[in-house]
């Protein structure tokens, strides 16, 4: 993502030359900016999907923990120390 942001900064510097009339910017530069904007958006979507997947997995394991804690407590309470210890 930082590589894309660095590339975006470079393109923004080039576009600054055409700040008064952006329509005069070369088509290649416009295309590069457009492609980079799309790439950044795709990266942001991917990161958002990864974050939601992490949240989903954490929620699933939190549910497992809620089910297991009572079982573990019951097991600890029913275990008696071994003879001679």
PDB file of N, CA and C in Angstrom:
ATOM      1  N   UNK A   1       0.837  -1.190   0.000  1.00  0.00           N
ATOM      2  CA  UNK A   1       0.000   0.000   0.000  1.00  0.00           C
ATOM      3  C   UNK A   1       0.877   1.248   0.000  1.00  0.00           C
ATOM      4  N   UNK A   2       1.974   1.219   0.748  1.00  0.00           N
ATOM      5  CA  UNK A   2       2.834   2.402   0.792  1.00  0.00           C
ATOM      6  C   UNK A   2       3.498   2.649  -0.553  1.00  0.00           C
ATOM      7  N   UNK A   3       3.767   1.586  -1.301  1.00  0.00           N
ATOM      8  CA  UNK A   3       4.347   1.758  -2.634  1.00  0.00           C
ATOM      9  C   UNK A   3       3.353   2.485  -3.541  1.00  0.00           C
ATOM     10  N   UNK A   4       2.079   2.112  -3.423  1.00  0.00           N
ATOM     11  CA  UNK A   4       1.052   2.780  -4.224  1.00  0.00           C
ATOM     12  C   UNK A   4       0.912   4.243  -3.806  1.00  0.00           C
ATOM     13  N   UNK A   5       1.003   4.488  -2.513  1.00  0.00           N
ATOM     14  CA  UNK A   5       0.894   5.868  -2.031  1.00  0.00           C
ATOM     15  C   UNK A   5       2.093   6.698  -2.485  1.00  0.00           C
ATOM     16  N   UNK A   6       3.276   6.091  -2.513  1.00  0.00           N
ATOM     17  CA  UNK A   6       4.455   6.808  -2.991  1.00  0.00           C
ATOM     18  C   UNK A   6       4.313   7.120  -4.481  1.00  0.00           C
ATOM     19  N   UNK A   7       3.791   6.150  -5.220  1.00  0.00           N
ATOM     20  CA  UNK A   7       3.568   6.383  -6.654  1.00  0.00           C
ATOM     21  C   UNK A   7       2.530   7.483  -6.857  1.00  0.00           C
ATOM     22  N   UNK A   8       1.514   7.481  -6.008  1.00  0.00           N
ATOM     23  CA  UNK A   8       0.481   8.518  -6.097  1.00  0.00           C
ATOM     24  C   UNK A   8       1.079   9.900  -5.836  1.00  0.00           C
ATOM     25  N   UNK A   9       1.986   9.983  -4.879  1.00  0.00           N
ATOM     26  CA  UNK A   9       2.628  11.258  -4.576  1.00  0.00           C
ATOM     27  C   UNK A   9       3.437  11.753  -5.781  1.00  0.00           C
ATOM     28  N   UNK A  10       4.104  10.827  -6.443  1.00  0.00           N
ATOM     29  CA  UNK A  10       4.873  11.189  -7.639  1.00  0.00           C
ATOM     30  C   UNK A  10       3.951  11.722  -8.731  1.00  0.00           C
ATOM     31  N   UNK A  11       2.837  11.019  -8.951  1.00  0.00           N
ATOM     32  CA  UNK A  11       1.893  11.464  -9.984  1.00  0.00           C
ATOM     33  C   UNK A  11       1.252  12.797  -9.605  1.00  0.00           C
ATOM     34  N   UNK A  12       0.971  12.974  -8.312  1.00  0.00           N
ATOM     35  CA  UNK A  12       0.400  14.252  -7.872  1.00  0.00           C
ATOM     36  C   UNK A  12       1.374  15.407  -8.130  1.00  0.00           C
ATOM     37  N   UNK A  13       2.673  15.130  -7.943  1.00  0.00           N
ATOM     38  CA  UNK A  13       3.669  16.162  -8.235  1.00  0.00           C
ATOM     39  C   UNK A  13       3.648  16.519  -9.717  1.00  0.00           C
ATOM     40  N   UNK A  14       3.518  15.502 -10.565  1.00  0.00           N
ATOM     41  CA  UNK A  14       3.446  15.760 -12.005  1.00  0.00           C
ATOM     42  C   UNK A  14       2.174  16.518 -12.364  1.00  0.00           C
ATOM     43  N   UNK A  15       1.060  16.159 -11.699  1.00  0.00           N
ATOM     44  CA  UNK A  15      -0.212  16.847 -11.980  1.00  0.00           C
ATOM     45  C   UNK A  15      -0.203  18.287 -11.498  1.00  0.00           C
ATOM     46  N   UNK A  16       0.640  18.584 -10.512  1.00  0.00           N
ATOM     47  CA  UNK A  16       0.707  19.950  -9.993  1.00  0.00           C
ATOM     48  C   UNK A  16       1.125  20.921 -11.095  1.00  0.00           C
ATOM     49  N   UNK A  17       1.887  20.432 -12.051  1.00  0.00           N
ATOM     50  CA  UNK A  17       2.318  21.266 -13.170  1.00  0.00           C
ATOM     51  C   UNK A  17       1.113  21.718 -13.994  1.00  0.00           C
ATOM     52  N   UNK A  18       0.072  20.881 -14.001  1.00  0.00           N
ATOM     53  CA  UNK A  18      -1.133  21.170 -14.790  1.00  0.00           C
ATOM     54  C   UNK A  18      -2.289  21.666 -13.913  1.00  0.00           C
ATOM     55  N   UNK A  19      -1.965  22.226 -12.764  1.00  0.00           N
ATOM     56  CA  UNK A  19      -2.988  22.643 -11.801  1.00  0.00           C
ATOM     57  C   UNK A  19      -3.923  23.712 -12.370  1.00  0.00           C
ATOM     58  N   UNK A  20      -3.386  24.606 -13.165  1.00  0.00           N
ATOM     59  CA  UNK A  20      -4.227  25.689 -13.703  1.00  0.00           C
ATOM     60  C   UNK A  20      -5.224  25.151 -14.720  1.00  0.00           C
ATOM     61  N   UNK A  21      -4.809  24.171 -15.509  1.00  0.00           N
ATOM     62  CA  UNK A  21      -5.693  23.596 -16.524  1.00  0.00           C
ATOM     63  C   UNK A  21      -5.463  22.084 -16.588  1.00  0.00           C
ATOM     64  N   UNK A  22      -6.156  21.329 -15.719  1.00  0.00           N
ATOM     65  CA  UNK A  22      -5.954  19.876 -15.682  1.00  0.00           C
ATOM     66  C   UNK A  22      -6.268  19.192 -17.006  1.00  0.00           C
ATOM     67  N   UNK A  23      -7.034  19.826 -17.849  1.00  0.00           N
ATOM     68  CA  UNK A  23      -7.371  19.249 -19.143  1.00  0.00           C
ATOM     69  C   UNK A  23      -6.171  19.134 -20.073  1.00  0.00           C
ATOM     70  N   UNK A  24      -5.127  19.889 -19.787  1.00  0.00           N
ATOM     71  CA  UNK A  24      -3.921  19.851 -20.612  1.00  0.00           C
ATOM     72  C   UNK A  24      -2.952  18.742 -20.197  1.00  0.00           C
ATOM     73  N   UNK A  25      -3.290  18.030 -19.135  1.00  0.00           N
ATOM     74  CA  UNK A  25      -2.418  16.935 -18.693  1.00  0.00           C
ATOM     75  C   UNK A  25      -2.395  15.854 -19.773  1.00  0.00           C
ATOM     76  N   UNK A  26      -1.246  15.242 -19.991  1.00  0.00           N
ATOM     77  CA  UNK A  26      -1.146  14.206 -21.021  1.00  0.00           C
ATOM     78  C   UNK A  26      -2.068  13.022 -20.708  1.00  0.00           C
ATOM     79  N   UNK A  27      -2.627  12.406 -21.734  1.00  0.00           N
ATOM     80  CA  UNK A  27      -3.519  11.259 -21.529  1.00  0.00           C
ATOM     81  C   UNK A  27      -2.848  10.126 -20.743  1.00  0.00           C
ATOM     82  N   UNK A  28      -1.556   9.926 -20.981  1.00  0.00           N
ATOM     83  CA  UNK A  28      -0.840   8.868 -20.256  1.00  0.00           C
ATOM     84  C   UNK A  28      -0.856   9.140 -18.756  1.00  0.00           C
ATOM     85  N   UNK A  29      -0.631  10.387 -18.369  1.00  0.00           N
ATOM     86  CA  UNK A  29      -0.639  10.760 -16.959  1.00  0.00           C
ATOM     87  C   UNK A  29      -2.034  10.584 -16.363  1.00  0.00           C
ATOM     88  N   UNK A  30      -3.046  10.994 -17.114  1.00  0.00           N
ATOM     89  CA  UNK A  30      -4.429  10.824 -16.644  1.00  0.00           C
ATOM     90  C   UNK A  30      -4.747   9.348 -16.454  1.00  0.00           C
ATOM     91  N   UNK A  31      -4.297   8.519 -17.390  1.00  0.00           N
ATOM     92  CA  UNK A  31      -4.548   7.074 -17.306  1.00  0.00           C
ATOM     93  C   UNK A  31      -3.835   6.473 -16.099  1.00  0.00           C
ATOM     94  N   UNK A  32      -2.586   6.915 -15.873  1.00  0.00           N
ATOM     95  CA  UNK A  32      -1.835   6.409 -14.728  1.00  0.00           C
ATOM     96  C   UNK A  32      -2.527   6.776 -13.421  1.00  0.00           C
ATOM     97  N   UNK A  33      -3.014   7.996 -13.332  1.00  0.00           N
ATOM     98  CA  UNK A  33      -3.718   8.439 -12.125  1.00  0.00           C
ATOM     99  C   UNK A  33      -4.987   7.613 -11.936  1.00  0.00           C
ATOM    100  N   UNK A  34      -5.718   7.401 -13.012  1.00  0.00           N
ATOM    101  CA  UNK A  34      -6.944   6.613 -12.942  1.00  0.00           C
ATOM    102  C   UNK A  34      -6.663   5.180 -12.498  1.00  0.00           C
ATOM    103  N   UNK A  35      -5.648   4.559 -13.108  1.00  0.00           N
ATOM    104  CA  UNK A  35      -5.304   3.183 -12.747  1.00  0.00           C
ATOM    105  C   UNK A  35      -4.839   3.088 -11.295  1.00  0.00           C
ATOM    106  N   UNK A  36      -4.055   4.066 -10.881  1.00  0.00           N
ATOM    107  CA  UNK A  36      -3.563   4.065  -9.507  1.00  0.00           C
ATOM    108  C   UNK A  36      -4.701   4.264  -8.511  1.00  0.00           C
ATOM    109  N   UNK A  37      -5.637   5.124  -8.852  1.00  0.00           N
ATOM    110  CA  UNK A  37      -6.805   5.340  -7.989  1.00  0.00           C
ATOM    111  C   UNK A  37      -7.596   4.039  -7.848  1.00  0.00           C
ATOM    112  N   UNK A  38      -7.751   3.322  -8.950  1.00  0.00           N
ATOM    113  CA  UNK A  38      -8.455   2.040  -8.905  1.00  0.00           C
ATOM    114  C   UNK A  38      -7.683   1.017  -8.080  1.00  0.00           C
ATOM    115  N   UNK A  39      -6.372   0.994  -8.214  1.00  0.00           N
ATOM    116  CA  UNK A  39      -5.547   0.067  -7.437  1.00  0.00           C
ATOM    117  C   UNK A  39      -5.640   0.364  -5.948  1.00  0.00           C
ATOM    118  N   UNK A  40      -5.582   1.637  -5.598  1.00  0.00           N
ATOM    119  CA  UNK A  40      -5.707   2.020  -4.189  1.00  0.00           C
ATOM    120  C   UNK A  40      -7.069   1.615  -3.632  1.00  0.00           C
ATOM    121  N   UNK A  41      -8.120   1.820  -4.420  1.00  0.00           N
ATOM    122  CA  UNK A  41      -9.465   1.438  -3.977  1.00  0.00           C
ATOM    123  C   UNK A  41      -9.554  -0.071  -3.787  1.00  0.00           C
ATOM    124  N   UNK A  42      -8.942  -0.829  -4.692  1.00  0.00           N
ATOM    125  CA  UNK A  42      -8.954  -2.289  -4.572  1.00  0.00           C
ATOM    126  C   UNK A  42      -8.197  -2.725  -3.324  1.00  0.00           C
ATOM    127  N   UNK A  43      -7.074  -2.086  -3.045  1.00  0.00           N
ATOM    128  CA  UNK A  43      -6.303  -2.415  -1.846  1.00  0.00           C
ATOM    129  C   UNK A  43      -7.110  -2.102  -0.585  1.00  0.00           C
ATOM    130  N   UNK A  44      -7.789  -0.981  -0.583  1.00  0.00           N
ATOM    131  CA  UNK A  44      -8.596  -0.609   0.582  1.00  0.00           C
ATOM    132  C   UNK A  44      -9.743  -1.597   0.786  1.00  0.00           C
ATOM    133  N   UNK A  45     -10.376  -2.032  -0.313  1.00  0.00           N
ATOM    134  CA  UNK A  45     -11.439  -3.036  -0.202  1.00  0.00           C
ATOM    135  C   UNK A  45     -10.876  -4.347   0.348  1.00  0.00           C
ATOM    136  N   UNK A  46      -9.717  -4.752  -0.158  1.00  0.00           N
ATOM    137  CA  UNK A  46      -9.086  -5.982   0.305  1.00  0.00           C
ATOM    138  C   UNK A  46      -8.781  -5.905   1.795  1.00  0.00           C
ATOM    139  N   UNK A  47      -8.232  -4.778   2.231  1.00  0.00           N
ATOM    140  CA  UNK A  47      -7.910  -4.619   3.651  1.00  0.00           C
ATOM    141  C   UNK A  47      -9.178  -4.625   4.504  1.00  0.00           C
ATOM    142  N   UNK A  48     -10.240  -4.012   4.018  1.00  0.00           N
ATOM    143  CA  UNK A  48     -11.512  -4.011   4.752  1.00  0.00           C
ATOM    144  C   UNK A  48     -12.068  -5.429   4.854  1.00  0.00           C
ATOM    145  N   UNK A  49     -11.946  -6.194   3.772  1.00  0.00           N
ATOM    146  CA  UNK A  49     -12.398  -7.591   3.800  1.00  0.00           C
ATOM    147  C   UNK A  49     -11.576  -8.405   4.786  1.00  0.00           C
ATOM    148  N   UNK A  50     -10.279  -8.162   4.831  1.00  0.00           N
ATOM    149  CA  UNK A  50      -9.418  -8.867   5.769  1.00  0.00           C
ATOM    150  C   UNK A  50      -9.798  -8.516   7.209  1.00  0.00           C
ATOM    151  N   UNK A  51     -10.066  -7.251   7.466  1.00  0.00           N
ATOM    152  CA  UNK A  51     -10.478  -6.826   8.805  1.00  0.00           C
ATOM    153  C   UNK A  51     -11.791  -7.481   9.211  1.00  0.00           C
ATOM    154  N   UNK A  52     -12.741  -7.552   8.286  1.00  0.00           N
ATOM    155  CA  UNK A  52     -14.024  -8.179   8.620  1.00  0.00           C
ATOM    156  C   UNK A  52     -13.851  -9.680   8.834  1.00  0.00           C
ATOM    157  N   UNK A  53     -12.947 -10.305   8.108  1.00  0.00           N
ATOM    158  CA  UNK A  53     -12.670 -11.730   8.303  1.00  0.00           C
ATOM    159  C   UNK A  53     -12.042 -11.960   9.680  1.00  0.00           C
ATOM    160  N   UNK A  54     -11.145 -11.086  10.082  1.00  0.00           N
ATOM    161  CA  UNK A  54     -10.536 -11.185  11.414  1.00  0.00           C
ATOM    162  C   UNK A  54     -11.611 -11.051  12.486  1.00  0.00           C
ATOM    163  N   UNK A  55     -12.510 -10.089  12.316  1.00  0.00           N
ATOM    164  CA  UNK A  55     -13.590  -9.903  13.285  1.00  0.00           C
ATOM    165  C   UNK A  55     -14.492 -11.133  13.343  1.00  0.00           C
ATOM    166  N   UNK A  56     -14.792 -11.717  12.183  1.00  0.00           N
ATOM    167  CA  UNK A  56     -15.642 -12.903  12.137  1.00  0.00           C
ATOM    168  C   UNK A  56     -14.983 -14.070  12.865  1.00  0.00           C
ATOM    169  N   UNK A  57     -13.699 -14.271  12.632  1.00  0.00           N
ATOM    170  CA  UNK A  57     -12.975 -15.376  13.276  1.00  0.00           C
ATOM    171  C   UNK A  57     -12.883 -15.141  14.776  1.00  0.00           C
ATOM    172  N   UNK A  58     -12.591 -13.924  15.191  1.00  0.00           N
ATOM    173  CA  UNK A  58     -12.523 -13.615  16.622  1.00  0.00           C
ATOM    174  C   UNK A  58     -13.868 -13.857  17.295  1.00  0.00           C
ATOM    175  N   UNK A  59     -14.949 -13.465  16.642  1.00  0.00           N
ATOM    176  CA  UNK A  59     -16.284 -13.682  17.210  1.00  0.00           C
ATOM    177  C   UNK A  59     -16.572 -15.179  17.345  1.00  0.00           C
ATOM    178  N   UNK A  60     -16.168 -15.952  16.351  1.00  0.00           N
ATOM    179  CA  UNK A  60     -16.387 -17.403  16.405  1.00  0.00           C
ATOM    180  C   UNK A  60     -15.633 -18.016  17.581  1.00  0.00           C
ATOM    181  N   UNK A  61     -14.380 -17.621  17.776  1.00  0.00           N
ATOM    182  CA  UNK A  61     -13.613 -18.176  18.880  1.00  0.00           C
ATOM    183  C   UNK A  61     -14.088 -17.647  20.227  1.00  0.00           C
ATOM    184  N   UNK A  62     -14.621 -16.439  20.267  1.00  0.00           N
ATOM    185  CA  UNK A  62     -15.226 -15.941  21.503  1.00  0.00           C
ATOM    186  C   UNK A  62     -16.429 -16.793  21.884  1.00  0.00           C
ATOM    187  N   UNK A  63     -17.224 -17.210  20.885  1.00  0.00           N
ATOM    188  CA  UNK A  63     -18.364 -18.090  21.151  1.00  0.00           C
ATOM    189  C   UNK A  63     -17.896 -19.441  21.672  1.00  0.00           C
ATOM    190  N   UNK A  64     -16.843 -19.976  21.069  1.00  0.00           N
ATOM    191  CA  UNK A  64     -16.288 -21.244  21.558  1.00  0.00           C
ATOM    192  C   UNK A  64     -15.816 -21.109  23.001  1.00  0.00           C
ATOM    193  N   UNK A  65     -15.168 -20.016  23.307  1.00  0.00           N
ATOM    194  CA  UNK A  65     -14.679 -19.793  24.658  1.00  0.00           C
ATOM    195  C   UNK A  65     -15.827 -19.741  25.658  1.00  0.00           C
ATOM    196  N   UNK A  66     -16.917 -19.070  25.287  1.00  0.00           N
ATOM    197  CA  UNK A  66     -18.068 -19.003  26.188  1.00  0.00           C
ATOM    198  C   UNK A  66     -18.656 -20.379  26.449  1.00  0.00           C
ATOM    199  N   UNK A  67     -18.591 -21.261  25.454  1.00  0.00           N
ATOM    200  CA  UNK A  67     -19.089 -22.624  25.638  1.00  0.00           C
ATOM    201  C   UNK A  67     -18.105 -23.481  26.427  1.00  0.00           C
ATOM    202  N   UNK A  68     -16.824 -23.244  26.258  1.00  0.00           N
ATOM    203  CA  UNK A  68     -15.822 -24.092  26.891  1.00  0.00           C
ATOM    204  C   UNK A  68     -15.525 -23.724  28.341  1.00  0.00           C
ATOM    205  N   UNK A  69     -15.590 -22.452  28.684  1.00  0.00           N
ATOM    206  CA  UNK A  69     -15.258 -22.035  30.048  1.00  0.00           C
ATOM    207  C   UNK A  69     -16.060 -22.788  31.113  1.00  0.00           C
ATOM    208  N   UNK A  70     -17.391 -22.901  30.979  1.00  0.00           N
ATOM    209  CA  UNK A  70     -18.132 -23.652  31.996  1.00  0.00           C
ATOM    210  C   UNK A  70     -17.694 -25.129  32.054  1.00  0.00           C
ATOM    211  N   UNK A  71     -17.387 -25.699  30.907  1.00  0.00           N
ATOM    212  CA  UNK A  71     -16.941 -27.096  30.892  1.00  0.00           C
ATOM    213  C   UNK A  71     -15.595 -27.239  31.587  1.00  0.00           C
ATOM    214  N   UNK A  72     -14.699 -26.312  31.342  1.00  0.00           N
ATOM    215  CA  UNK A  72     -13.389 -26.373  31.977  1.00  0.00           C
ATOM    216  C   UNK A  72     -13.510 -26.178  33.486  1.00  0.00           C
ATOM    217  N   UNK A  73     -14.372 -25.261  33.910  1.00  0.00           N
ATOM    218  CA  UNK A  73     -14.564 -25.031  35.348  1.00  0.00           C
ATOM    219  C   UNK A  73     -15.168 -26.262  36.011  1.00  0.00           C
ATOM    220  N   UNK A  74     -16.133 -26.874  35.336  1.00  0.00           N
ATOM    221  CA  UNK A  74     -16.752 -28.086  35.888  1.00  0.00           C
ATOM    222  C   UNK A  74     -15.731 -29.204  35.994  1.00  0.00           C
ATOM    223  N   UNK A  75     -14.897 -29.316  35.019  1.00  0.00           N
ATOM    224  CA  UNK A  75     -13.877 -30.367  35.028  1.00  0.00           C
ATOM    225  C   UNK A  75     -12.870 -30.127  36.147  1.00  0.00           C
ATOM    226  N   UNK A  76     -12.469 -28.872  36.348  1.00  0.00           N
ATOM    227  CA  UNK A  76     -11.513 -28.575  37.432  1.00  0.00           C
ATOM    228  C   UNK A  76     -12.121 -28.857  38.800  1.00  0.00           C
ATOM    229  N   UNK A  77     -13.403 -28.578  38.934  1.00  0.00           N
ATOM    230  CA  UNK A  77     -14.066 -28.800  40.218  1.00  0.00           C
ATOM    231  C   UNK A  77     -14.257 -30.275  40.501  1.00  0.00           C
ATOM    232  N   UNK A  78     -14.403 -31.109  39.488  1.00  0.00           N
ATOM    233  CA  UNK A  78     -14.632 -32.528  39.706  1.00  0.00           C
ATOM    234  C   UNK A  78     -13.351 -33.333  39.833  1.00  0.00           C
ATOM    235  N   UNK A  79     -12.250 -32.763  39.426  1.00  0.00           N
ATOM    236  CA  UNK A  79     -10.986 -33.485  39.557  1.00  0.00           C
ATOM    237  C   UNK A  79     -10.527 -33.471  40.990  1.00  0.00           C
ATOM    238  N   UNK A  80     -10.155 -34.626  41.486  1.00  0.00           N
ATOM    239  CA  UNK A  80      -9.619 -34.684  42.843  1.00  0.00           C
ATOM    240  C   UNK A  80      -8.135 -34.930  42.742  1.00  0.00           C
ATOM    241  N   UNK A  81      -7.373 -34.446  43.702  1.00  0.00           N
ATOM    242  CA  UNK A  81      -5.948 -34.652  43.634  1.00  0.00           C
ATOM    243  C   UNK A  81      -5.608 -36.136  43.702  1.00  0.00           C
ATOM    244  N   UNK A  82      -4.553 -36.521  43.064  1.00  0.00           N
ATOM    245  CA  UNK A  82      -4.137 -37.921  43.056  1.00  0.00           C
ATOM    246  C   UNK A  82      -3.678 -38.310  44.452  1.00  0.00           C
ATOM    247  N   UNK A  83      -3.923 -39.576  44.855  1.00  0.00           N
ATOM    248  CA  UNK A  83      -3.513 -40.018  46.189  1.00  0.00           C
ATOM    249  C   UNK A  83      -1.988 -39.891  46.363  1.00  0.00           C
ATOM    250  N   UNK A  84      -1.608 -39.500  47.548  1.00  0.00           N
ATOM    251  CA  UNK A  84      -0.203 -39.356  47.858  1.00  0.00           C
ATOM    252  C   UNK A  84       0.390 -38.021  47.466  1.00  0.00           C
ATOM    253  N   UNK A  85      -0.396 -37.146  47.007  1.00  0.00           N
ATOM    254  CA  UNK A  85       0.132 -35.827  46.622  1.00  0.00           C
ATOM    255  C   UNK A  85      -0.347 -34.761  47.544  1.00  0.00           C
TER     256      UNK A  85
END
